[in-house]
Amino acid sequence: MTATLPSTARTRLFNGDSITDCGRREEPDGLDHGFVDLPAEEHGAREGGATVLNRGTSGRKAADLGARFGPDCLDLARSS
């Protein structure tokens, strides 16, 4: 049985610390060379045109995630 995919492409956003960051700024696609790249490949293969974003920042702590939730997440939805 084949799953029916939504007609509009979805976006998955990863946010976190150095484990999420994993050198994303050095990568042309802005993802990383770590665990975000793996689901990005799978997500793109399942849903054509799907988007995966990495907003991980090395050194970030839980309190920083709360403070950056607007610019890193909500503002992206507002601008699209």
PDB file of N, CA and C in Angstrom:
ATOM      1  N   MET A   1       0.842  -1.171   0.000  1.00  0.00           N
ATOM      2  CA  MET A   1       0.000   0.000   0.000  1.00  0.00           C
ATOM      3  C   MET A   1       0.891   1.239   0.000  1.00  0.00           C
ATOM      4  N   THR A   2       0.602   2.203  -0.856  1.00  0.00           N
ATOM      5  CA  THR A   2       1.393   3.420  -0.963  1.00  0.00           C
ATOM      6  C   THR A   2       0.707   4.553  -0.221  1.00  0.00           C
ATOM      7  N   ALA A   3       1.475   5.278   0.577  1.00  0.00           N
ATOM      8  CA  ALA A   3       0.917   6.413   1.317  1.00  0.00           C
ATOM      9  C   ALA A   3       0.662   7.573   0.365  1.00  0.00           C
ATOM     10  N   THR A   4      -0.415   8.296   0.612  1.00  0.00           N
ATOM     11  CA  THR A   4      -0.717   9.487  -0.176  1.00  0.00           C
ATOM     12  C   THR A   4      -0.019  10.673   0.463  1.00  0.00           C
ATOM     13  N   LEU A   5       0.731  11.398  -0.331  1.00  0.00           N
ATOM     14  CA  LEU A   5       1.480  12.542   0.173  1.00  0.00           C
ATOM     15  C   LEU A   5       0.655  13.807   0.031  1.00  0.00           C
ATOM     16  N   PRO A   6       0.861  14.774   0.940  1.00  0.00           N
ATOM     17  CA  PRO A   6       0.130  16.030   0.828  1.00  0.00           C
ATOM     18  C   PRO A   6       0.490  16.744  -0.474  1.00  0.00           C
ATOM     19  N   SER A   7      -0.446  17.541  -0.982  1.00  0.00           N
ATOM     20  CA  SER A   7      -0.208  18.218  -2.252  1.00  0.00           C
ATOM     21  C   SER A   7       0.779  19.376  -2.122  1.00  0.00           C
ATOM     22  N   THR A   8       0.945  19.900  -0.934  1.00  0.00           N
ATOM     23  CA  THR A   8       1.916  20.980  -0.743  1.00  0.00           C
ATOM     24  C   THR A   8       3.124  20.435   0.004  1.00  0.00           C
ATOM     25  N   ALA A   9       4.277  20.864  -0.423  1.00  0.00           N
ATOM     26  CA  ALA A   9       5.516  20.405   0.222  1.00  0.00           C
ATOM     27  C   ALA A   9       5.602  20.955   1.636  1.00  0.00           C
ATOM     28  N   ARG A  10       6.124  20.172   2.528  1.00  0.00           N
ATOM     29  CA  ARG A  10       6.277  20.580   3.924  1.00  0.00           C
ATOM     30  C   ARG A  10       7.703  21.021   4.195  1.00  0.00           C
ATOM     31  N   THR A  11       7.859  21.710   5.320  1.00  0.00           N
ATOM     32  CA  THR A  11       9.171  22.145   5.784  1.00  0.00           C
ATOM     33  C   THR A  11       9.417  21.544   7.154  1.00  0.00           C
ATOM     34  N   ARG A  12      10.615  21.004   7.343  1.00  0.00           N
ATOM     35  CA  ARG A  12      11.051  20.516   8.658  1.00  0.00           C
ATOM     36  C   ARG A  12      12.208  21.393   9.096  1.00  0.00           C
ATOM     37  N   LEU A  13      12.125  21.865  10.310  1.00  0.00           N
ATOM     38  CA  LEU A  13      13.146  22.746  10.850  1.00  0.00           C
ATOM     39  C   LEU A  13      13.818  22.075  12.044  1.00  0.00           C
ATOM     40  N   PHE A  14      15.141  22.030  12.031  1.00  0.00           N
ATOM     41  CA  PHE A  14      15.916  21.502  13.150  1.00  0.00           C
ATOM     42  C   PHE A  14      16.562  22.683  13.851  1.00  0.00           C
ATOM     43  N   ASN A  15      16.442  22.708  15.166  1.00  0.00           N
ATOM     44  CA  ASN A  15      16.988  23.799  15.969  1.00  0.00           C
ATOM     45  C   ASN A  15      17.675  23.177  17.177  1.00  0.00           C
ATOM     46  N   GLY A  16      18.830  23.673  17.530  1.00  0.00           N
ATOM     47  CA  GLY A  16      19.528  23.085  18.668  1.00  0.00           C
ATOM     48  C   GLY A  16      20.906  23.664  18.864  1.00  0.00           C
ATOM     49  N   ASP A  17      21.792  22.846  19.409  1.00  0.00           N
ATOM     50  CA  ASP A  17      23.143  23.288  19.765  1.00  0.00           C
ATOM     51  C   ASP A  17      24.161  22.764  18.755  1.00  0.00           C
ATOM     52  N   SER A  18      25.378  22.534  19.214  1.00  0.00           N
ATOM     53  CA  SER A  18      26.457  22.141  18.311  1.00  0.00           C
ATOM     54  C   SER A  18      26.205  20.812  17.614  1.00  0.00           C
ATOM     55  N   ILE A  19      25.469  19.904  18.239  1.00  0.00           N
ATOM     56  CA  ILE A  19      25.183  18.621  17.597  1.00  0.00           C
ATOM     57  C   ILE A  19      24.293  18.849  16.374  1.00  0.00           C
ATOM     58  N   THR A  20      23.370  19.782  16.479  1.00  0.00           N
ATOM     59  CA  THR A  20      22.505  20.122  15.349  1.00  0.00           C
ATOM     60  C   THR A  20      23.264  20.964  14.333  1.00  0.00           C
ATOM     61  N   ASP A  21      24.025  21.927  14.812  1.00  0.00           N
ATOM     62  CA  ASP A  21      24.810  22.821  13.938  1.00  0.00           C
ATOM     63  C   ASP A  21      25.729  21.998  13.053  1.00  0.00           C
ATOM     64  N   CYS A  22      26.605  21.249  13.631  1.00  0.00           N
ATOM     65  CA  CYS A  22      27.487  20.284  12.967  1.00  0.00           C
ATOM     66  C   CYS A  22      28.111  20.816  11.675  1.00  0.00           C
ATOM     67  N   GLY A  23      28.536  22.072  11.691  1.00  0.00           N
ATOM     68  CA  GLY A  23      29.234  22.639  10.548  1.00  0.00           C
ATOM     69  C   GLY A  23      28.335  23.103   9.415  1.00  0.00           C
ATOM     70  N   ARG A  24      27.076  23.429   9.714  1.00  0.00           N
ATOM     71  CA  ARG A  24      26.126  23.788   8.649  1.00  0.00           C
ATOM     72  C   ARG A  24      26.547  25.012   7.845  1.00  0.00           C
ATOM     73  N   ARG A  25      27.261  25.939   8.460  1.00  0.00           N
ATOM     74  CA  ARG A  25      27.662  27.163   7.750  1.00  0.00           C
ATOM     75  C   ARG A  25      28.714  26.898   6.671  1.00  0.00           C
ATOM     76  N   GLU A  26      29.417  25.783   6.788  1.00  0.00           N
ATOM     77  CA  GLU A  26      30.430  25.430   5.797  1.00  0.00           C
ATOM     78  C   GLU A  26      29.856  24.608   4.654  1.00  0.00           C
ATOM     79  N   GLU A  27      28.625  24.173   4.765  1.00  0.00           N
ATOM     80  CA  GLU A  27      28.007  23.327   3.748  1.00  0.00           C
ATOM     81  C   GLU A  27      27.209  24.170   2.758  1.00  0.00           C
ATOM     82  N   PRO A  28      27.322  23.904   1.476  1.00  0.00           N
ATOM     83  CA  PRO A  28      26.596  24.684   0.462  1.00  0.00           C
ATOM     84  C   PRO A  28      25.076  24.648   0.627  1.00  0.00           C
ATOM     85  N   ASP A  29      24.538  23.515   1.112  1.00  0.00           N
ATOM     86  CA  ASP A  29      23.091  23.416   1.271  1.00  0.00           C
ATOM     87  C   ASP A  29      22.611  23.961   2.609  1.00  0.00           C
ATOM     88  N   GLY A  30      23.547  24.388   3.488  1.00  0.00           N
ATOM     89  CA  GLY A  30      23.174  24.959   4.780  1.00  0.00           C
ATOM     90  C   GLY A  30      22.669  23.951   5.791  1.00  0.00           C
ATOM     91  N   LEU A  31      22.819  22.672   5.504  1.00  0.00           N
ATOM     92  CA  LEU A  31      22.372  21.665   6.455  1.00  0.00           C
ATOM     93  C   LEU A  31      23.513  21.321   7.391  1.00  0.00           C
ATOM     94  N   ASP A  32      24.233  20.285   7.131  1.00  0.00           N
ATOM     95  CA  ASP A  32      25.371  19.893   7.960  1.00  0.00           C
ATOM     96  C   ASP A  32      26.011  18.666   7.347  1.00  0.00           C
ATOM     97  N   HIS A  33      26.931  18.096   8.066  1.00  0.00           N
ATOM     98  CA  HIS A  33      27.481  16.808   7.664  1.00  0.00           C
ATOM     99  C   HIS A  33      27.234  15.823   8.802  1.00  0.00           C
ATOM    100  N   GLY A  34      26.062  15.949   9.423  1.00  0.00           N
ATOM    101  CA  GLY A  34      25.694  15.117  10.564  1.00  0.00           C
ATOM    102  C   GLY A  34      24.282  14.611  10.458  1.00  0.00           C
ATOM    103  N   PHE A  35      23.593  14.586  11.588  1.00  0.00           N
ATOM    104  CA  PHE A  35      22.306  13.919  11.623  1.00  0.00           C
ATOM    105  C   PHE A  35      21.174  14.672  10.927  1.00  0.00           C
ATOM    106  N   VAL A  36      21.264  15.966  10.686  1.00  0.00           N
ATOM    107  CA  VAL A  36      20.200  16.683   9.972  1.00  0.00           C
ATOM    108  C   VAL A  36      20.203  16.308   8.496  1.00  0.00           C
ATOM    109  N   ASP A  37      21.344  16.034   7.951  1.00  0.00           N
ATOM    110  CA  ASP A  37      21.443  15.676   6.541  1.00  0.00           C
ATOM    111  C   ASP A  37      20.729  14.362   6.225  1.00  0.00           C
ATOM    112  N   LEU A  38      20.735  13.428   7.145  1.00  0.00           N
ATOM    113  CA  LEU A  38      20.102  12.129   6.904  1.00  0.00           C
ATOM    114  C   LEU A  38      18.589  12.242   6.728  1.00  0.00           C
ATOM    115  N   PRO A  39      17.854  12.860   7.665  1.00  0.00           N
ATOM    116  CA  PRO A  39      16.414  13.000   7.419  1.00  0.00           C
ATOM    117  C   PRO A  39      16.111  13.934   6.260  1.00  0.00           C
ATOM    118  N   ALA A  40      17.003  14.871   5.968  1.00  0.00           N
ATOM    119  CA  ALA A  40      16.795  15.763   4.820  1.00  0.00           C
ATOM    120  C   ALA A  40      16.764  14.961   3.532  1.00  0.00           C
ATOM    121  N   GLU A  41      17.674  14.012   3.410  1.00  0.00           N
ATOM    122  CA  GLU A  41      17.699  13.164   2.222  1.00  0.00           C
ATOM    123  C   GLU A  41      16.433  12.319   2.138  1.00  0.00           C
ATOM    124  N   GLU A  42      16.030  11.743   3.248  1.00  0.00           N
ATOM    125  CA  GLU A  42      14.825  10.907   3.273  1.00  0.00           C
ATOM    126  C   GLU A  42      13.577  11.739   3.017  1.00  0.00           C
ATOM    127  N   HIS A  43      13.485  12.887   3.641  1.00  0.00           N
ATOM    128  CA  HIS A  43      12.319  13.770   3.493  1.00  0.00           C
ATOM    129  C   HIS A  43      12.189  14.225   2.048  1.00  0.00           C
ATOM    130  N   GLY A  44      13.295  14.614   1.438  1.00  0.00           N
ATOM    131  CA  GLY A  44      13.279  15.047   0.042  1.00  0.00           C
ATOM    132  C   GLY A  44      12.915  13.918  -0.906  1.00  0.00           C
ATOM    133  N   ALA A  45      13.348  12.713  -0.588  1.00  0.00           N
ATOM    134  CA  ALA A  45      13.048  11.567  -1.439  1.00  0.00           C
ATOM    135  C   ALA A  45      11.564  11.217  -1.373  1.00  0.00           C
ATOM    136  N   ARG A  46      10.966  11.414  -0.230  1.00  0.00           N
ATOM    137  CA  ARG A  46       9.551  11.086  -0.065  1.00  0.00           C
ATOM    138  C   ARG A  46       8.634  12.173  -0.605  1.00  0.00           C
ATOM    139  N   GLU A  47       9.034  13.414  -0.430  1.00  0.00           N
ATOM    140  CA  GLU A  47       8.188  14.532  -0.842  1.00  0.00           C
ATOM    141  C   GLU A  47       8.990  15.441  -1.756  1.00  0.00           C
ATOM    142  N   GLY A  48       8.722  15.391  -3.030  1.00  0.00           N
ATOM    143  CA  GLY A  48       9.424  16.261  -3.965  1.00  0.00           C
ATOM    144  C   GLY A  48       9.237  17.726  -3.592  1.00  0.00           C
ATOM    145  N   GLY A  49      10.304  18.468  -3.590  1.00  0.00           N
ATOM    146  CA  GLY A  49      10.239  19.880  -3.260  1.00  0.00           C
ATOM    147  C   GLY A  49      10.176  20.179  -1.780  1.00  0.00           C
ATOM    148  N   ALA A  50      10.297  19.168  -0.940  1.00  0.00           N
ATOM    149  CA  ALA A  50      10.270  19.381   0.502  1.00  0.00           C
ATOM    150  C   ALA A  50      11.500  20.167   0.937  1.00  0.00           C
ATOM    151  N   THR A  51      11.361  20.895   2.028  1.00  0.00           N
ATOM    152  CA  THR A  51      12.446  21.736   2.519  1.00  0.00           C
ATOM    153  C   THR A  51      12.853  21.295   3.914  1.00  0.00           C
ATOM    154  N   VAL A  52      14.149  21.211   4.161  1.00  0.00           N
ATOM    155  CA  VAL A  52      14.688  20.945   5.489  1.00  0.00           C
ATOM    156  C   VAL A  52      15.636  22.080   5.824  1.00  0.00           C
ATOM    157  N   LEU A  53      15.439  22.690   6.981  1.00  0.00           N
ATOM    158  CA  LEU A  53      16.262  23.811   7.423  1.00  0.00           C
ATOM    159  C   LEU A  53      16.983  23.451   8.713  1.00  0.00           C
ATOM    160  N   ASN A  54      18.199  23.913   8.844  1.00  0.00           N
ATOM    161  CA  ASN A  54      18.996  23.699  10.052  1.00  0.00           C
ATOM    162  C   ASN A  54      19.296  25.053  10.663  1.00  0.00           C
ATOM    163  N   ARG A  55      18.830  25.276  11.875  1.00  0.00           N
ATOM    164  CA  ARG A  55      19.103  26.519  12.602  1.00  0.00           C
ATOM    165  C   ARG A  55      19.903  26.245  13.874  1.00  0.00           C
ATOM    166  N   GLY A  56      20.596  25.113  13.913  1.00  0.00           N
ATOM    167  CA  GLY A  56      21.435  24.788  15.061  1.00  0.00           C
ATOM    168  C   GLY A  56      22.583  25.777  15.185  1.00  0.00           C
ATOM    169  N   THR A  57      22.941  26.112  16.422  1.00  0.00           N
ATOM    170  CA  THR A  57      24.044  27.030  16.678  1.00  0.00           C
ATOM    171  C   THR A  57      24.903  26.471  17.800  1.00  0.00           C
ATOM    172  N   SER A  58      26.166  26.267  17.506  1.00  0.00           N
ATOM    173  CA  SER A  58      27.088  25.734  18.497  1.00  0.00           C
ATOM    174  C   SER A  58      27.118  26.618  19.730  1.00  0.00           C
ATOM    175  N   GLY A  59      27.055  26.009  20.901  1.00  0.00           N
ATOM    176  CA  GLY A  59      27.099  26.736  22.166  1.00  0.00           C
ATOM    177  C   GLY A  59      25.741  27.157  22.687  1.00  0.00           C
ATOM    178  N   ARG A  60      24.707  26.936  21.930  1.00  0.00           N
ATOM    179  CA  ARG A  60      23.356  27.339  22.332  1.00  0.00           C
ATOM    180  C   ARG A  60      22.875  26.483  23.493  1.00  0.00           C
ATOM    181  N   LYS A  61      22.173  27.116  24.400  1.00  0.00           N
ATOM    182  CA  LYS A  61      21.593  26.437  25.563  1.00  0.00           C
ATOM    183  C   LYS A  61      20.069  26.515  25.461  1.00  0.00           C
ATOM    184  N   ALA A  62      19.356  25.785  26.314  1.00  0.00           N
ATOM    185  CA  ALA A  62      17.886  25.752  26.259  1.00  0.00           C
ATOM    186  C   ALA A  62      17.288  27.153  26.353  1.00  0.00           C
ATOM    187  N   ALA A  63      17.814  27.997  27.225  1.00  0.00           N
ATOM    188  CA  ALA A  63      17.293  29.367  27.344  1.00  0.00           C
ATOM    189  C   ALA A  63      17.478  30.144  26.040  1.00  0.00           C
ATOM    190  N   ASP A  64      18.565  29.876  25.339  1.00  0.00           N
ATOM    191  CA  ASP A  64      18.814  30.540  24.057  1.00  0.00           C
ATOM    192  C   ASP A  64      17.797  30.100  23.002  1.00  0.00           C
ATOM    193  N   LEU A  65      17.397  28.834  23.057  1.00  0.00           N
ATOM    194  CA  LEU A  65      16.412  28.339  22.098  1.00  0.00           C
ATOM    195  C   LEU A  65      15.104  29.116  22.226  1.00  0.00           C
ATOM    196  N   GLY A  66      14.670  29.351  23.466  1.00  0.00           N
ATOM    197  CA  GLY A  66      13.446  30.117  23.690  1.00  0.00           C
ATOM    198  C   GLY A  66      13.560  31.530  23.159  1.00  0.00           C
ATOM    199  N   ALA A  67      14.685  32.152  23.402  1.00  0.00           N
ATOM    200  CA  ALA A  67      14.892  33.532  22.960  1.00  0.00           C
ATOM    201  C   ALA A  67      14.977  33.629  21.443  1.00  0.00           C
ATOM    202  N   ARG A  68      15.472  32.583  20.773  1.00  0.00           N
ATOM    203  CA  ARG A  68      15.652  32.607  19.327  1.00  0.00           C
ATOM    204  C   ARG A  68      14.500  31.960  18.555  1.00  0.00           C
ATOM    205  N   PHE A  69      13.462  31.494  19.255  1.00  0.00           N
ATOM    206  CA  PHE A  69      12.380  30.787  18.577  1.00  0.00           C
ATOM    207  C   PHE A  69      11.689  31.674  17.538  1.00  0.00           C
ATOM    208  N   GLY A  70      11.486  32.929  17.845  1.00  0.00           N
ATOM    209  CA  GLY A  70      10.864  33.851  16.889  1.00  0.00           C
ATOM    210  C   GLY A  70      11.685  33.983  15.612  1.00  0.00           C
ATOM    211  N   PRO A  71      12.928  34.453  15.708  1.00  0.00           N
ATOM    212  CA  PRO A  71      13.734  34.622  14.494  1.00  0.00           C
ATOM    213  C   PRO A  71      14.068  33.311  13.781  1.00  0.00           C
ATOM    214  N   ASP A  72      14.311  32.253  14.538  1.00  0.00           N
ATOM    215  CA  ASP A  72      14.728  30.989  13.919  1.00  0.00           C
ATOM    216  C   ASP A  72      13.559  30.190  13.349  1.00  0.00           C
ATOM    217  N   CYS A  73      12.365  30.380  13.878  1.00  0.00           N
ATOM    218  CA  CYS A  73      11.231  29.547  13.462  1.00  0.00           C
ATOM    219  C   CYS A  73      10.040  30.355  12.975  1.00  0.00           C
ATOM    220  N   LEU A  74       9.446  31.135  13.847  1.00  0.00           N
ATOM    221  CA  LEU A  74       8.211  31.844  13.512  1.00  0.00           C
ATOM    222  C   LEU A  74       8.378  32.829  12.376  1.00  0.00           C
ATOM    223  N   ASP A  75       9.476  33.571  12.364  1.00  0.00           N
ATOM    224  CA  ASP A  75       9.694  34.553  11.305  1.00  0.00           C
ATOM    225  C   ASP A  75       9.830  33.886   9.935  1.00  0.00           C
ATOM    226  N   LEU A  76      10.322  32.658   9.909  1.00  0.00           N
ATOM    227  CA  LEU A  76      10.439  31.930   8.634  1.00  0.00           C
ATOM    228  C   LEU A  76       9.043  31.658   8.061  1.00  0.00           C
ATOM    229  N   ALA A  77       8.104  31.301   8.916  1.00  0.00           N
ATOM    230  CA  ALA A  77       6.739  31.026   8.466  1.00  0.00           C
ATOM    231  C   ALA A  77       6.063  32.310   7.993  1.00  0.00           C
ATOM    232  N   ARG A  78       6.324  33.405   8.656  1.00  0.00           N
ATOM    233  CA  ARG A  78       5.708  34.677   8.296  1.00  0.00           C
ATOM    234  C   ARG A  78       6.226  35.196   6.962  1.00  0.00           C
ATOM    235  N   SER A  79       7.481  34.902   6.644  1.00  0.00           N
ATOM    236  CA  SER A  79       8.078  35.430   5.427  1.00  0.00           C
ATOM    237  C   SER A  79       7.781  34.576   4.194  1.00  0.00           C
ATOM    238  N   SER A  80       7.217  33.397   4.411  1.00  0.00           N
ATOM    239  CA  SER A  80       6.950  32.542   3.246  1.00  0.00           C
ATOM    240  C   SER A  80       5.533  32.664   2.758  1.00  0.00           C
TER     241      SER A  80
END
